[in-house]
Amino acid sequence: IFAHPRNVLDGIEKGCLDGVRHIRIDGRTAPRERQAQVERFQTDAGIRVALLSLTAAGLALTLTAANRALFVELFWTPASLLQAEDRCHRIGQTSEVEIEYLLAEGTLDDALWPSIRRKMRVLGELVEGAEGLDMEESSDKKESGKIEGGSERWEGSGDEGGEREEEKEEEKEEEEEGGGQF
């Protein structure tokens, strides 16, 4: 579970994780303790929840024991979100990883999500040389009350880092139509 301010992490911990074995990494967690927390998450089958600060745990950690990453709030820069996602998509990941963003209607998310999507398309065009990444088009919308979450499903094994399922489907369709790459 990724969030940003400590008070949001505190609220999730007290409101949702009371009695649930989990790790927590935020700006107060010392570097050595961060690695110890990660090791516990990676090796202790009884710990299946990691409560993580986007800024403190979004880089340089390997969380391949995860099969889902849940973002309970957005961050202004898509790079921060992608870096946090990548904690689960590391070398050694052998399982599909589901990425979900929770969006709340009538909040700053209404303005922030379209901005992040635009930035992702531009980033994809610059880096990938392709049409760009569209976080909403590649996501399944799920609605529950006033909260909506998009999710991207990724498959990964070993060092490939994961490929989007829909990209695989498009490649398969191209091959069946006789197209594809030369």
C-alpha atoms as a PDB file:
ATOM      1  CA  ILE A   1       0.000   0.000   0.000  1.00  0.00           C
ATOM      2  CA  PHE A   2       1.594   3.258  -1.127  1.00  0.00           C
ATOM      3  CA  ALA A   3       0.638   6.664   0.271  1.00  0.00           C
ATOM      4  CA  HIS A   4       2.487   9.910   0.840  1.00  0.00           C
ATOM      5  CA  PRO A   5       1.985  11.967   4.003  1.00  0.00           C
ATOM      6  CA  ARG A   6       2.605  10.299   7.330  1.00  0.00           C
ATOM      7  CA  ASN A   7      -0.873  11.167   8.590  1.00  0.00           C
ATOM      8  CA  VAL A   8      -2.407   9.143   5.742  1.00  0.00           C
ATOM      9  CA  LEU A   9      -0.117   6.215   6.553  1.00  0.00           C
ATOM     10  CA  ASP A  10      -1.087   6.558  10.234  1.00  0.00           C
ATOM     11  CA  GLY A  11      -4.793   6.543   9.349  1.00  0.00           C
ATOM     12  CA  ILE A  12      -4.465   3.434   7.194  1.00  0.00           C
ATOM     13  CA  GLU A  13      -2.425   1.678   9.856  1.00  0.00           C
ATOM     14  CA  LYS A  14      -4.856   2.482  12.669  1.00  0.00           C
ATOM     15  CA  GLY A  15      -8.064   2.159  10.657  1.00  0.00           C
ATOM     16  CA  CYS A  16      -7.339  -0.803   8.393  1.00  0.00           C
ATOM     17  CA  LEU A  17      -4.329  -2.733   9.638  1.00  0.00           C
ATOM     18  CA  ASP A  18      -5.076  -3.074  13.349  1.00  0.00           C
ATOM     19  CA  GLY A  19      -4.277  -6.701  14.165  1.00  0.00           C
ATOM     20  CA  VAL A  20      -2.804  -7.357  10.694  1.00  0.00           C
ATOM     21  CA  ARG A  21       0.880  -8.294  10.530  1.00  0.00           C
ATOM     22  CA  HIS A  22       2.589  -5.801   8.246  1.00  0.00           C
ATOM     23  CA  ILE A  23       5.707  -3.755   7.699  1.00  0.00           C
ATOM     24  CA  ARG A  24       5.867   0.027   7.494  1.00  0.00           C
ATOM     25  CA  ILE A  25       8.493   2.176   5.840  1.00  0.00           C
ATOM     26  CA  ASP A  26       8.264   5.956   5.935  1.00  0.00           C
ATOM     27  CA  GLY A  27      10.624   8.905   6.293  1.00  0.00           C
ATOM     28  CA  ARG A  28      11.254   8.085   9.963  1.00  0.00           C
ATOM     29  CA  THR A  29      12.509   4.569   9.170  1.00  0.00           C
ATOM     30  CA  ALA A  30      16.301   4.390   9.336  1.00  0.00           C
ATOM     31  CA  PRO A  31      18.048   2.951   6.242  1.00  0.00           C
ATOM     32  CA  ARG A  32      19.182  -0.240   8.017  1.00  0.00           C
ATOM     33  CA  GLU A  33      15.698  -0.743   9.435  1.00  0.00           C
ATOM     34  CA  ARG A  34      14.214  -0.296   5.935  1.00  0.00           C
ATOM     35  CA  GLN A  35      16.257  -3.205   4.655  1.00  0.00           C
ATOM     36  CA  ALA A  36      15.317  -5.322   7.687  1.00  0.00           C
ATOM     37  CA  GLN A  37      11.628  -4.529   7.062  1.00  0.00           C
ATOM     38  CA  VAL A  38      11.988  -5.506   3.404  1.00  0.00           C
ATOM     39  CA  GLU A  39      13.664  -8.799   4.373  1.00  0.00           C
ATOM     40  CA  ARG A  40      10.760  -9.568   6.738  1.00  0.00           C
ATOM     41  CA  PHE A  41       8.237  -8.867   3.967  1.00  0.00           C
ATOM     42  CA  GLN A  42      10.174 -10.933   1.448  1.00  0.00           C
ATOM     43  CA  THR A  43      10.709 -13.962   3.698  1.00  0.00           C
ATOM     44  CA  ASP A  44       7.909 -14.096   6.301  1.00  0.00           C
ATOM     45  CA  ALA A  45       4.820 -15.686   4.716  1.00  0.00           C
ATOM     46  CA  GLY A  46       2.713 -14.285   7.561  1.00  0.00           C
ATOM     47  CA  ILE A  47       3.405 -10.708   6.462  1.00  0.00           C
ATOM     48  CA  ARG A  48       1.518  -9.911   3.275  1.00  0.00           C
ATOM     49  CA  VAL A  49       1.028  -6.169   3.720  1.00  0.00           C
ATOM     50  CA  ALA A  50       3.625  -3.438   3.343  1.00  0.00           C
ATOM     51  CA  LEU A  51       2.554   0.104   4.222  1.00  0.00           C
ATOM     52  CA  LEU A  52       4.947   2.329   2.325  1.00  0.00           C
ATOM     53  CA  SER A  53       5.628   5.999   1.857  1.00  0.00           C
ATOM     54  CA  LEU A  54       5.915   6.878  -1.828  1.00  0.00           C
ATOM     55  CA  THR A  55       8.970   8.999  -1.203  1.00  0.00           C
ATOM     56  CA  ALA A  56      10.760   6.855   1.399  1.00  0.00           C
ATOM     57  CA  ALA A  57      10.061   3.432  -0.109  1.00  0.00           C
ATOM     58  CA  GLY A  58       9.597   4.273  -3.764  1.00  0.00           C
ATOM     59  CA  LEU A  59      13.250   3.708  -4.678  1.00  0.00           C
ATOM     60  CA  ALA A  60      15.956   1.083  -4.193  1.00  0.00           C
ATOM     61  CA  LEU A  61      13.795  -1.590  -2.565  1.00  0.00           C
ATOM     62  CA  THR A  62      12.937  -5.026  -3.893  1.00  0.00           C
ATOM     63  CA  LEU A  63       9.446  -6.224  -3.046  1.00  0.00           C
ATOM     64  CA  THR A  64       9.062  -9.232  -5.326  1.00  0.00           C
ATOM     65  CA  ALA A  65       6.997 -11.038  -2.679  1.00  0.00           C
ATOM     66  CA  ALA A  66       4.190  -8.617  -3.608  1.00  0.00           C
ATOM     67  CA  ASN A  67       1.471  -9.571  -6.047  1.00  0.00           C
ATOM     68  CA  ARG A  68      -0.453  -6.299  -5.749  1.00  0.00           C
ATOM     69  CA  ALA A  69       0.467  -2.643  -5.318  1.00  0.00           C
ATOM     70  CA  LEU A  70      -2.290  -0.337  -4.155  1.00  0.00           C
ATOM     71  CA  PHE A  71      -1.905   3.429  -4.395  1.00  0.00           C
ATOM     72  CA  VAL A  72      -4.341   5.091  -2.015  1.00  0.00           C
ATOM     73  CA  GLU A  73      -3.405   8.555  -3.217  1.00  0.00           C
ATOM     74  CA  LEU A  74      -1.731  10.103  -6.212  1.00  0.00           C
ATOM     75  CA  PHE A  75       1.558  11.925  -6.486  1.00  0.00           C
ATOM     76  CA  TRP A  76       2.185  14.879  -8.812  1.00  0.00           C
ATOM     77  CA  THR A  77       4.850  13.180 -10.886  1.00  0.00           C
ATOM     78  CA  PRO A  78       4.214   9.959 -12.770  1.00  0.00           C
ATOM     79  CA  ALA A  79       7.888   9.017 -12.392  1.00  0.00           C
ATOM     80  CA  SER A  80       7.396   8.686  -8.623  1.00  0.00           C
ATOM     81  CA  LEU A  81       4.413   6.411  -9.181  1.00  0.00           C
ATOM     82  CA  LEU A  82       6.268   4.289 -11.735  1.00  0.00           C
ATOM     83  CA  GLN A  83       9.315   3.984  -9.480  1.00  0.00           C
ATOM     84  CA  ALA A  84       7.071   2.769  -6.681  1.00  0.00           C
ATOM     85  CA  GLU A  85       5.403   0.265  -9.039  1.00  0.00           C
ATOM     86  CA  ASP A  86       8.837  -0.964 -10.057  1.00  0.00           C
ATOM     87  CA  ARG A  87       9.565  -2.073  -6.487  1.00  0.00           C
ATOM     88  CA  CYS A  88       7.334  -5.083  -7.261  1.00  0.00           C
ATOM     89  CA  HIS A  89       8.590  -5.561 -10.842  1.00  0.00           C
ATOM     90  CA  ARG A  90      12.186  -6.394 -10.039  1.00  0.00           C
ATOM     91  CA  ILE A  91      14.493  -9.165 -11.169  1.00  0.00           C
ATOM     92  CA  GLY A  92      13.270 -12.282  -9.439  1.00  0.00           C
ATOM     93  CA  GLN A  93       9.559 -11.519  -9.765  1.00  0.00           C
ATOM     94  CA  THR A  94       7.849 -14.696 -10.916  1.00  0.00           C
ATOM     95  CA  SER A  95       4.215 -13.743 -10.386  1.00  0.00           C
ATOM     96  CA  GLU A  96       1.724 -11.454 -12.024  1.00  0.00           C
ATOM     97  CA  VAL A  97       1.509  -8.144 -10.182  1.00  0.00           C
ATOM     98  CA  GLU A  98      -1.683  -6.124 -10.120  1.00  0.00           C
ATOM     99  CA  ILE A  99      -1.314  -2.354  -9.836  1.00  0.00           C
ATOM    100  CA  GLU A 100      -4.305  -0.365  -8.583  1.00  0.00           C
ATOM    101  CA  TYR A 101      -4.834   3.358  -8.133  1.00  0.00           C
ATOM    102  CA  LEU A 102      -7.731   4.450  -5.953  1.00  0.00           C
ATOM    103  CA  LEU A 103      -9.336   7.680  -7.104  1.00  0.00           C
ATOM    104  CA  ALA A 104     -11.907   9.609  -5.095  1.00  0.00           C
ATOM    105  CA  GLU A 105     -14.492  11.622  -7.008  1.00  0.00           C
ATOM    106  CA  GLY A 106     -14.921  15.240  -6.001  1.00  0.00           C
ATOM    107  CA  THR A 107     -11.322  15.547  -4.802  1.00  0.00           C
ATOM    108  CA  LEU A 108      -8.032  16.754  -6.209  1.00  0.00           C
ATOM    109  CA  ASP A 109      -7.830  13.344  -7.916  1.00  0.00           C
ATOM    110  CA  ASP A 110     -10.280  14.694 -10.533  1.00  0.00           C
ATOM    111  CA  ALA A 111      -7.624  17.157 -11.730  1.00  0.00           C
ATOM    112  CA  LEU A 112      -4.516  15.171 -10.871  1.00  0.00           C
ATOM    113  CA  TRP A 113      -5.355  11.882 -12.646  1.00  0.00           C
ATOM    114  CA  PRO A 114      -5.863  13.426 -16.131  1.00  0.00           C
ATOM    115  CA  SER A 115      -2.639  15.404 -15.662  1.00  0.00           C
ATOM    116  CA  ILE A 116      -0.721  12.252 -14.712  1.00  0.00           C
ATOM    117  CA  ARG A 117      -2.178  10.424 -17.721  1.00  0.00           C
ATOM    118  CA  ARG A 118      -1.087  13.237 -20.066  1.00  0.00           C
ATOM    119  CA  LYS A 119       2.406  13.193 -18.577  1.00  0.00           C
ATOM    120  CA  MET A 120       2.556   9.407 -19.005  1.00  0.00           C
ATOM    121  CA  ARG A 121       1.635   9.659 -22.682  1.00  0.00           C
ATOM    122  CA  VAL A 122       4.367  12.262 -23.236  1.00  0.00           C
ATOM    123  CA  LEU A 123       6.878  10.223 -21.242  1.00  0.00           C
ATOM    124  CA  GLY A 124       6.020   7.121 -23.250  1.00  0.00           C
ATOM    125  CA  GLU A 125       6.479   8.986 -26.521  1.00  0.00           C
ATOM    126  CA  LEU A 126       9.861  10.331 -25.447  1.00  0.00           C
ATOM    127  CA  VAL A 127      11.246   7.190 -23.837  1.00  0.00           C
ATOM    128  CA  GLU A 128       9.495   4.400 -25.674  1.00  0.00           C
ATOM    129  CA  GLY A 129       9.212   6.111 -29.068  1.00  0.00           C
ATOM    130  CA  ALA A 130       5.664   4.857 -29.142  1.00  0.00           C
ATOM    131  CA  GLU A 131       2.192   6.269 -28.746  1.00  0.00           C
ATOM    132  CA  GLY A 132       2.907   6.617 -25.060  1.00  0.00           C
ATOM    133  CA  LEU A 133       1.514   5.061 -21.963  1.00  0.00           C
ATOM    134  CA  ASP A 134      -2.079   5.737 -21.018  1.00  0.00           C
ATOM    135  CA  MET A 135      -2.719   4.610 -17.488  1.00  0.00           C
ATOM    136  CA  GLU A 136      -6.491   4.691 -17.944  1.00  0.00           C
ATOM    137  CA  GLU A 137      -6.747   2.998 -21.338  1.00  0.00           C
ATOM    138  CA  SER A 138      -4.658   0.103 -20.071  1.00  0.00           C
ATOM    139  CA  SER A 139      -6.673  -0.200 -16.899  1.00  0.00           C
ATOM    140  CA  ASP A 140      -9.854  -1.910 -15.873  1.00  0.00           C
ATOM    141  CA  LYS A 141     -12.204   0.519 -14.155  1.00  0.00           C
ATOM    142  CA  LYS A 142     -13.687  -0.651 -10.918  1.00  0.00           C
ATOM    143  CA  GLU A 143     -16.308   1.361  -9.106  1.00  0.00           C
ATOM    144  CA  SER A 144     -17.322   1.129  -5.507  1.00  0.00           C
ATOM    145  CA  GLY A 145     -19.370   3.973  -4.098  1.00  0.00           C
ATOM    146  CA  LYS A 146     -17.571   7.212  -4.873  1.00  0.00           C
ATOM    147  CA  ILE A 147     -14.155   5.632  -5.114  1.00  0.00           C
ATOM    148  CA  GLU A 148     -12.985   4.385  -8.433  1.00  0.00           C
ATOM    149  CA  GLY A 149      -9.751   2.601  -9.080  1.00  0.00           C
ATOM    150  CA  GLY A 150      -7.947   1.813 -12.251  1.00  0.00           C
ATOM    151  CA  SER A 151      -5.757  -1.212 -12.272  1.00  0.00           C
ATOM    152  CA  GLU A 152      -3.059  -2.407 -14.589  1.00  0.00           C
ATOM    153  CA  ARG A 153      -2.226  -6.064 -14.630  1.00  0.00           C
ATOM    154  CA  TRP A 154       1.357  -7.046 -15.304  1.00  0.00           C
ATOM    155  CA  GLU A 155       2.960 -10.403 -15.791  1.00  0.00           C
ATOM    156  CA  GLY A 156       6.577 -10.886 -15.083  1.00  0.00           C
ATOM    157  CA  SER A 157       9.071 -13.615 -14.603  1.00  0.00           C
ATOM    158  CA  GLY A 158      12.702 -13.290 -13.822  1.00  0.00           C
ATOM    159  CA  ASP A 159      14.596 -10.468 -15.454  1.00  0.00           C
ATOM    160  CA  GLU A 160      12.131  -9.431 -18.114  1.00  0.00           C
ATOM    161  CA  GLY A 161      10.547  -6.959 -15.716  1.00  0.00           C
ATOM    162  CA  GLY A 162       7.005  -7.668 -16.867  1.00  0.00           C
ATOM    163  CA  GLU A 163       4.877  -6.907 -19.902  1.00  0.00           C
ATOM    164  CA  ARG A 164       1.381  -5.567 -20.017  1.00  0.00           C
ATOM    165  CA  GLU A 165      -1.174  -8.252 -20.815  1.00  0.00           C
ATOM    166  CA  GLU A 166      -2.859  -6.012 -23.359  1.00  0.00           C
ATOM    167  CA  GLU A 167       0.455  -5.524 -25.204  1.00  0.00           C
ATOM    168  CA  LYS A 168       0.791  -9.288 -25.434  1.00  0.00           C
ATOM    169  CA  GLU A 169      -2.766  -9.535 -26.763  1.00  0.00           C
ATOM    170  CA  GLU A 170      -2.058  -6.844 -29.391  1.00  0.00           C
ATOM    171  CA  GLU A 171       1.091  -8.661 -30.514  1.00  0.00           C
ATOM    172  CA  LYS A 172      -0.847 -11.913 -30.779  1.00  0.00           C
ATOM    173  CA  GLU A 173      -3.559 -10.210 -32.855  1.00  0.00           C
ATOM    174  CA  GLU A 174      -0.919  -8.687 -35.168  1.00  0.00           C
ATOM    175  CA  GLU A 175       0.686 -12.089 -35.674  1.00  0.00           C
ATOM    176  CA  GLU A 176      -2.684 -13.677 -36.458  1.00  0.00           C
ATOM    177  CA  GLU A 177      -3.394 -10.902 -38.995  1.00  0.00           C
ATOM    178  CA  GLY A 178      -0.018 -11.480 -40.616  1.00  0.00           C
ATOM    179  CA  GLY A 179       1.437  -8.184 -39.359  1.00  0.00           C
ATOM    180  CA  GLY A 180       3.990  -7.664 -36.697  1.00  0.00           C
ATOM    181  CA  GLN A 181       7.570  -6.589 -36.698  1.00  0.00           C
ATOM    182  CA  PHE A 182      10.115  -7.391 -39.418  1.00  0.00           C
END
